[in-house]
Each structure stands twice: as C-alpha cells, then as structure tokens.
C-alpha cells in the first residue's frame, strides 16, 4: 500500500514560546491552535502546510515522553 498523504508531523521542542515565532516569522506559517494534553504531559501548537499539520510538542514535566526524547536525542 502506497501512502497517499501525511496527516501530521510531530516535532519535539523545549519551548513553544521560543519555537512558535520561528515557524511564524521565518517559515511564514500561522499557529492556529495551542492546547495542553495533560495525560500526555505535553503542550502542543499546530501549523497547517497544505494538507499536512505540523505539531510542536513541549513537555510540561521532566517525566514526560517528550522530555525524555529531548534529553536523549535533542529537539526535533
């Protein structure tokens, strides 16, 4: 089966406050939603690129999966 599209791409960031301006000013995208997902210990920001969403993920505590990802692999 060949993929027909990408629904979204998740990118781990240390700070939405620092990352959002880059995506808006440098890439020309608009953040259309920010929400906290408490059970996953993450805060997210969304951008639309064609039919694909970019989801920035900021950890809300050091024990979250995203915090551990950043610690082990860095942002991205």
C-alpha atoms as a PDB file:
ATOM      1  CA  UNK A   1       0.000   0.000   0.000  1.00  0.00           C
ATOM      2  CA  UNK A   2       1.426   3.346  -1.041  1.00  0.00           C
ATOM      3  CA  UNK A   3       0.845   6.313   1.313  1.00  0.00           C
ATOM      4  CA  UNK A   4      -1.417   8.995  -0.138  1.00  0.00           C
ATOM      5  CA  UNK A   5      -0.614  11.824   2.285  1.00  0.00           C
ATOM      6  CA  UNK A   6       0.934  12.700   5.636  1.00  0.00           C
ATOM      7  CA  UNK A   7      -1.650  13.702   8.269  1.00  0.00           C
ATOM      8  CA  UNK A   8       0.783  15.334  10.677  1.00  0.00           C
ATOM      9  CA  UNK A   9       4.405  15.563  11.735  1.00  0.00           C
ATOM     10  CA  UNK A  10       5.340  15.920  15.410  1.00  0.00           C
ATOM     11  CA  UNK A  11       8.402  17.941  16.408  1.00  0.00           C
ATOM     12  CA  UNK A  12       9.693  17.951  19.998  1.00  0.00           C
ATOM     13  CA  UNK A  13      10.705  21.409  21.264  1.00  0.00           C
ATOM     14  CA  UNK A  14      11.916  22.655  24.633  1.00  0.00           C
ATOM     15  CA  UNK A  15       9.741  25.791  24.495  1.00  0.00           C
ATOM     16  CA  UNK A  16       6.709  26.710  22.408  1.00  0.00           C
ATOM     17  CA  UNK A  17       7.338  30.368  23.271  1.00  0.00           C
ATOM     18  CA  UNK A  18      10.700  30.152  21.506  1.00  0.00           C
ATOM     19  CA  UNK A  19       9.695  27.816  18.659  1.00  0.00           C
ATOM     20  CA  UNK A  20       6.409  29.403  17.517  1.00  0.00           C
ATOM     21  CA  UNK A  21       7.981  32.731  16.404  1.00  0.00           C
ATOM     22  CA  UNK A  22      10.463  30.844  14.205  1.00  0.00           C
ATOM     23  CA  UNK A  23       7.707  28.950  12.401  1.00  0.00           C
ATOM     24  CA  UNK A  24       5.640  32.128  12.022  1.00  0.00           C
ATOM     25  CA  UNK A  25       8.331  34.664  11.107  1.00  0.00           C
ATOM     26  CA  UNK A  26      10.928  32.573   9.277  1.00  0.00           C
ATOM     27  CA  UNK A  27       8.703  29.961   7.634  1.00  0.00           C
ATOM     28  CA  UNK A  28       5.644  32.205   7.238  1.00  0.00           C
ATOM     29  CA  UNK A  29       3.247  29.749   8.889  1.00  0.00           C
ATOM     30  CA  UNK A  30       0.425  30.642  11.270  1.00  0.00           C
ATOM     31  CA  UNK A  31      -0.116  28.867  14.568  1.00  0.00           C
ATOM     32  CA  UNK A  32      -3.836  28.069  14.564  1.00  0.00           C
ATOM     33  CA  UNK A  33      -4.170  26.201  17.876  1.00  0.00           C
ATOM     34  CA  UNK A  34      -2.358  25.660  21.157  1.00  0.00           C
ATOM     35  CA  UNK A  35      -3.567  23.090  23.638  1.00  0.00           C
ATOM     36  CA  UNK A  36      -2.379  21.127  26.642  1.00  0.00           C
ATOM     37  CA  UNK A  37      -2.769  17.361  26.747  1.00  0.00           C
ATOM     38  CA  UNK A  38      -2.459  16.765  30.472  1.00  0.00           C
ATOM     39  CA  UNK A  39      -2.498  12.953  30.357  1.00  0.00           C
ATOM     40  CA  UNK A  40       0.484  13.009  27.958  1.00  0.00           C
ATOM     41  CA  UNK A  41       2.226  15.813  29.914  1.00  0.00           C
ATOM     42  CA  UNK A  42       2.655  17.932  26.806  1.00  0.00           C
ATOM     43  CA  UNK A  43       1.603  21.278  25.379  1.00  0.00           C
ATOM     44  CA  UNK A  44       1.101  21.429  21.608  1.00  0.00           C
ATOM     45  CA  UNK A  45       0.983  24.062  18.872  1.00  0.00           C
ATOM     46  CA  UNK A  46      -0.343  23.396  15.370  1.00  0.00           C
ATOM     47  CA  UNK A  47       0.530  24.797  11.935  1.00  0.00           C
ATOM     48  CA  UNK A  48      -1.005  23.859   8.569  1.00  0.00           C
ATOM     49  CA  UNK A  49       1.129  23.198   5.486  1.00  0.00           C
ATOM     50  CA  UNK A  50      -1.138  22.177   2.627  1.00  0.00           C
ATOM     51  CA  UNK A  51      -2.986  19.104   3.883  1.00  0.00           C
ATOM     52  CA  UNK A  52      -0.314  18.318   6.472  1.00  0.00           C
ATOM     53  CA  UNK A  53      -0.213  19.602  10.045  1.00  0.00           C
ATOM     54  CA  UNK A  54       2.997  20.357  11.918  1.00  0.00           C
ATOM     55  CA  UNK A  55       2.593  19.718  15.638  1.00  0.00           C
ATOM     56  CA  UNK A  56       5.160  21.201  18.012  1.00  0.00           C
ATOM     57  CA  UNK A  57       5.324  19.298  21.320  1.00  0.00           C
ATOM     58  CA  UNK A  58       6.630  20.922  24.512  1.00  0.00           C
ATOM     59  CA  UNK A  59       6.984  18.763  27.638  1.00  0.00           C
ATOM     60  CA  UNK A  60       5.146  20.044  30.701  1.00  0.00           C
ATOM     61  CA  UNK A  61       7.168  17.959  33.178  1.00  0.00           C
ATOM     62  CA  UNK A  62      10.577  16.219  33.208  1.00  0.00           C
ATOM     63  CA  UNK A  63       8.990  12.747  33.330  1.00  0.00           C
ATOM     64  CA  UNK A  64       7.034  13.135  30.079  1.00  0.00           C
ATOM     65  CA  UNK A  65       7.872  11.094  26.998  1.00  0.00           C
ATOM     66  CA  UNK A  66       8.740  14.264  25.088  1.00  0.00           C
ATOM     67  CA  UNK A  67      11.102  15.482  27.836  1.00  0.00           C
ATOM     68  CA  UNK A  68      12.891  12.114  27.753  1.00  0.00           C
ATOM     69  CA  UNK A  69      13.055  12.245  23.947  1.00  0.00           C
ATOM     70  CA  UNK A  70      14.676  15.699  24.057  1.00  0.00           C
ATOM     71  CA  UNK A  71      17.089  14.571  26.777  1.00  0.00           C
ATOM     72  CA  UNK A  72      18.184  11.509  24.776  1.00  0.00           C
ATOM     73  CA  UNK A  73      18.032  12.800  21.188  1.00  0.00           C
ATOM     74  CA  UNK A  74      17.654  16.561  21.313  1.00  0.00           C
ATOM     75  CA  UNK A  75      14.876  18.593  19.793  1.00  0.00           C
ATOM     76  CA  UNK A  76      13.357  17.531  16.530  1.00  0.00           C
END
